[in-house]
């Protein structure tokens, strides 16, 4: 399911969501996630062809700490233009290599 966002970050901002209810990515079915990504790509191509943005953001949030405001899995397709005045930045800071390796091991063990 795809539709225009009623609170768009930029012109052409589209939401794509699963048909079946799933509050987050973590509980959505593999089939529904695959369908969402196919639709995201289709919408992104249409936005690119029709609006010709300089780039696109694909955004998805899980949980309150990640600023998820709607309790249904969805992805944002957001067209971006140079100097559009919108941000999505954070300061890059080199991580501790040992901590990165240890964290990767924890994640690997959970797979």
C-alpha atoms as a PDB file:
ATOM      1  CA  UNK A   1       0.000   0.000   0.000  1.00  0.00           C
ATOM      2  CA  UNK A   2       1.437   3.385  -0.994  1.00  0.00           C
ATOM      3  CA  UNK A   3       0.056   6.875  -0.504  1.00  0.00           C
ATOM      4  CA  UNK A   4       1.183  10.476  -0.181  1.00  0.00           C
ATOM      5  CA  UNK A   5       2.293  11.619   3.279  1.00  0.00           C
ATOM      6  CA  UNK A   6      -0.094  14.290   4.633  1.00  0.00           C
ATOM      7  CA  UNK A   7       2.849  15.870   6.492  1.00  0.00           C
ATOM      8  CA  UNK A   8       5.466  15.775   3.729  1.00  0.00           C
ATOM      9  CA  UNK A   9       9.113  16.555   4.376  1.00  0.00           C
ATOM     10  CA  UNK A  10       9.350  17.488   0.685  1.00  0.00           C
ATOM     11  CA  UNK A  11       7.082  17.424  -2.353  1.00  0.00           C
ATOM     12  CA  UNK A  12       6.546  13.813  -3.414  1.00  0.00           C
ATOM     13  CA  UNK A  13       6.982  12.279   0.084  1.00  0.00           C
ATOM     14  CA  UNK A  14       5.311   8.846  -0.061  1.00  0.00           C
ATOM     15  CA  UNK A  15       4.519   6.278   2.640  1.00  0.00           C
ATOM     16  CA  UNK A  16       4.605   2.558   1.862  1.00  0.00           C
ATOM     17  CA  UNK A  17       3.177   0.137   4.424  1.00  0.00           C
ATOM     18  CA  UNK A  18       2.249  -3.484   4.871  1.00  0.00           C
ATOM     19  CA  UNK A  19      -1.364  -4.487   4.260  1.00  0.00           C
ATOM     20  CA  UNK A  20      -1.366  -6.785   7.296  1.00  0.00           C
ATOM     21  CA  UNK A  21      -0.914  -5.044  10.633  1.00  0.00           C
ATOM     22  CA  UNK A  22       2.603  -5.248  12.032  1.00  0.00           C
ATOM     23  CA  UNK A  23       3.730  -2.597  14.513  1.00  0.00           C
ATOM     24  CA  UNK A  24       7.423  -2.828  13.572  1.00  0.00           C
ATOM     25  CA  UNK A  25       9.914  -4.343  11.173  1.00  0.00           C
ATOM     26  CA  UNK A  26      10.756  -6.892  13.855  1.00  0.00           C
ATOM     27  CA  UNK A  27       7.364  -8.625  13.644  1.00  0.00           C
ATOM     28  CA  UNK A  28       6.325  -8.064  10.007  1.00  0.00           C
ATOM     29  CA  UNK A  29       6.326 -11.214   7.877  1.00  0.00           C
ATOM     30  CA  UNK A  30       9.105 -11.862   5.351  1.00  0.00           C
ATOM     31  CA  UNK A  31       6.515 -11.832   2.565  1.00  0.00           C
ATOM     32  CA  UNK A  32       5.087  -8.477   3.653  1.00  0.00           C
ATOM     33  CA  UNK A  33       8.554  -6.944   3.956  1.00  0.00           C
ATOM     34  CA  UNK A  34       9.467  -8.159   0.468  1.00  0.00           C
ATOM     35  CA  UNK A  35       6.232  -6.680  -0.907  1.00  0.00           C
ATOM     36  CA  UNK A  36       6.952  -3.358   0.803  1.00  0.00           C
ATOM     37  CA  UNK A  37      10.449  -3.187  -0.694  1.00  0.00           C
ATOM     38  CA  UNK A  38       9.136  -3.964  -4.184  1.00  0.00           C
ATOM     39  CA  UNK A  39       6.617  -1.142  -3.774  1.00  0.00           C
ATOM     40  CA  UNK A  40       9.265   1.207  -2.327  1.00  0.00           C
ATOM     41  CA  UNK A  41      11.437   0.656  -5.398  1.00  0.00           C
ATOM     42  CA  UNK A  42       8.477   1.180  -7.733  1.00  0.00           C
ATOM     43  CA  UNK A  43       7.534   4.423  -5.962  1.00  0.00           C
ATOM     44  CA  UNK A  44      11.155   5.631  -5.858  1.00  0.00           C
ATOM     45  CA  UNK A  45      11.489   5.091  -9.603  1.00  0.00           C
ATOM     46  CA  UNK A  46       8.239   6.981 -10.244  1.00  0.00           C
ATOM     47  CA  UNK A  47       9.335   9.864  -7.998  1.00  0.00           C
ATOM     48  CA  UNK A  48      12.719   9.984  -9.738  1.00  0.00           C
ATOM     49  CA  UNK A  49      11.140   9.996 -13.202  1.00  0.00           C
ATOM     50  CA  UNK A  50       8.420  12.538 -12.421  1.00  0.00           C
ATOM     51  CA  UNK A  51      10.051  14.982  -9.995  1.00  0.00           C
ATOM     52  CA  UNK A  52      13.736  14.462 -10.834  1.00  0.00           C
ATOM     53  CA  UNK A  53      15.083  14.977  -7.306  1.00  0.00           C
ATOM     54  CA  UNK A  54      18.823  15.075  -6.692  1.00  0.00           C
ATOM     55  CA  UNK A  55      18.473  12.103  -4.339  1.00  0.00           C
ATOM     56  CA  UNK A  56      16.068  10.026  -2.254  1.00  0.00           C
ATOM     57  CA  UNK A  57      15.934   9.062   1.414  1.00  0.00           C
ATOM     58  CA  UNK A  58      14.328   5.789   2.465  1.00  0.00           C
ATOM     59  CA  UNK A  59      13.443   6.037   6.143  1.00  0.00           C
ATOM     60  CA  UNK A  60      11.936   3.598   8.629  1.00  0.00           C
ATOM     61  CA  UNK A  61      11.644   3.827  12.433  1.00  0.00           C
ATOM     62  CA  UNK A  62      11.069   1.126  15.062  1.00  0.00           C
ATOM     63  CA  UNK A  63      10.072   2.141  18.567  1.00  0.00           C
ATOM     64  CA  UNK A  64       9.616   5.363  20.464  1.00  0.00           C
ATOM     65  CA  UNK A  65      13.353   5.992  20.870  1.00  0.00           C
ATOM     66  CA  UNK A  66      13.651   5.940  17.065  1.00  0.00           C
ATOM     67  CA  UNK A  67      10.776   8.446  16.756  1.00  0.00           C
ATOM     68  CA  UNK A  68       8.231   5.942  15.430  1.00  0.00           C
ATOM     69  CA  UNK A  69       4.982   7.924  15.580  1.00  0.00           C
ATOM     70  CA  UNK A  70       2.599   5.458  13.895  1.00  0.00           C
ATOM     71  CA  UNK A  71       2.316   1.935  15.368  1.00  0.00           C
ATOM     72  CA  UNK A  72       2.267   0.222  11.950  1.00  0.00           C
ATOM     73  CA  UNK A  73       5.343  -0.726   9.914  1.00  0.00           C
ATOM     74  CA  UNK A  74       5.902   1.737   7.096  1.00  0.00           C
ATOM     75  CA  UNK A  75       8.694   3.247   5.040  1.00  0.00           C
ATOM     76  CA  UNK A  76       9.097   6.813   3.862  1.00  0.00           C
ATOM     77  CA  UNK A  77      10.228   7.572   0.317  1.00  0.00           C
ATOM     78  CA  UNK A  78      11.457  11.162   0.523  1.00  0.00           C
ATOM     79  CA  UNK A  79      12.699  13.041  -2.534  1.00  0.00           C
ATOM     80  CA  UNK A  80      15.655  15.309  -1.770  1.00  0.00           C
ATOM     81  CA  UNK A  81      17.121  18.287  -3.564  1.00  0.00           C
ATOM     82  CA  UNK A  82      20.415  20.051  -2.991  1.00  0.00           C
ATOM     83  CA  UNK A  83      19.803  22.973  -0.648  1.00  0.00           C
ATOM     84  CA  UNK A  84      16.234  21.873   0.210  1.00  0.00           C
ATOM     85  CA  UNK A  85      16.895  23.083   3.744  1.00  0.00           C
ATOM     86  CA  UNK A  86      15.993  19.731   5.283  1.00  0.00           C
ATOM     87  CA  UNK A  87      18.424  17.779   7.401  1.00  0.00           C
ATOM     88  CA  UNK A  88      19.215  14.205   8.209  1.00  0.00           C
ATOM     89  CA  UNK A  89      22.679  14.467   9.607  1.00  0.00           C
ATOM     90  CA  UNK A  90      24.726  13.465  12.577  1.00  0.00           C
ATOM     91  CA  UNK A  91      28.333  14.076  13.416  1.00  0.00           C
ATOM     92  CA  UNK A  92      30.590  11.252  12.318  1.00  0.00           C
ATOM     93  CA  UNK A  93      32.891  10.112  15.093  1.00  0.00           C
ATOM     94  CA  UNK A  94      35.323   7.234  14.718  1.00  0.00           C
ATOM     95  CA  UNK A  95      34.232   4.279  16.832  1.00  0.00           C
ATOM     96  CA  UNK A  96      36.521   2.221  19.038  1.00  0.00           C
ATOM     97  CA  UNK A  97      37.588  -0.763  16.868  1.00  0.00           C
ATOM     98  CA  UNK A  98      37.574  -3.207  19.785  1.00  0.00           C
ATOM     99  CA  UNK A  99      34.113  -2.144  20.885  1.00  0.00           C
ATOM    100  CA  UNK A 100      32.871  -2.429  17.291  1.00  0.00           C
ATOM    101  CA  UNK A 101      34.271  -5.981  17.074  1.00  0.00           C
ATOM    102  CA  UNK A 102      32.714  -6.953  20.428  1.00  0.00           C
ATOM    103  CA  UNK A 103      29.349  -5.551  19.387  1.00  0.00           C
ATOM    104  CA  UNK A 104      29.535  -7.396  16.058  1.00  0.00           C
ATOM    105  CA  UNK A 105      30.166 -10.642  17.967  1.00  0.00           C
ATOM    106  CA  UNK A 106      27.083 -10.081  20.155  1.00  0.00           C
ATOM    107  CA  UNK A 107      24.956  -9.473  17.079  1.00  0.00           C
ATOM    108  CA  UNK A 108      26.461 -12.453  15.227  1.00  0.00           C
ATOM    109  CA  UNK A 109      25.670 -14.704  18.198  1.00  0.00           C
ATOM    110  CA  UNK A 110      22.010 -13.661  18.025  1.00  0.00           C
ATOM    111  CA  UNK A 111      21.657 -14.630  14.341  1.00  0.00           C
END
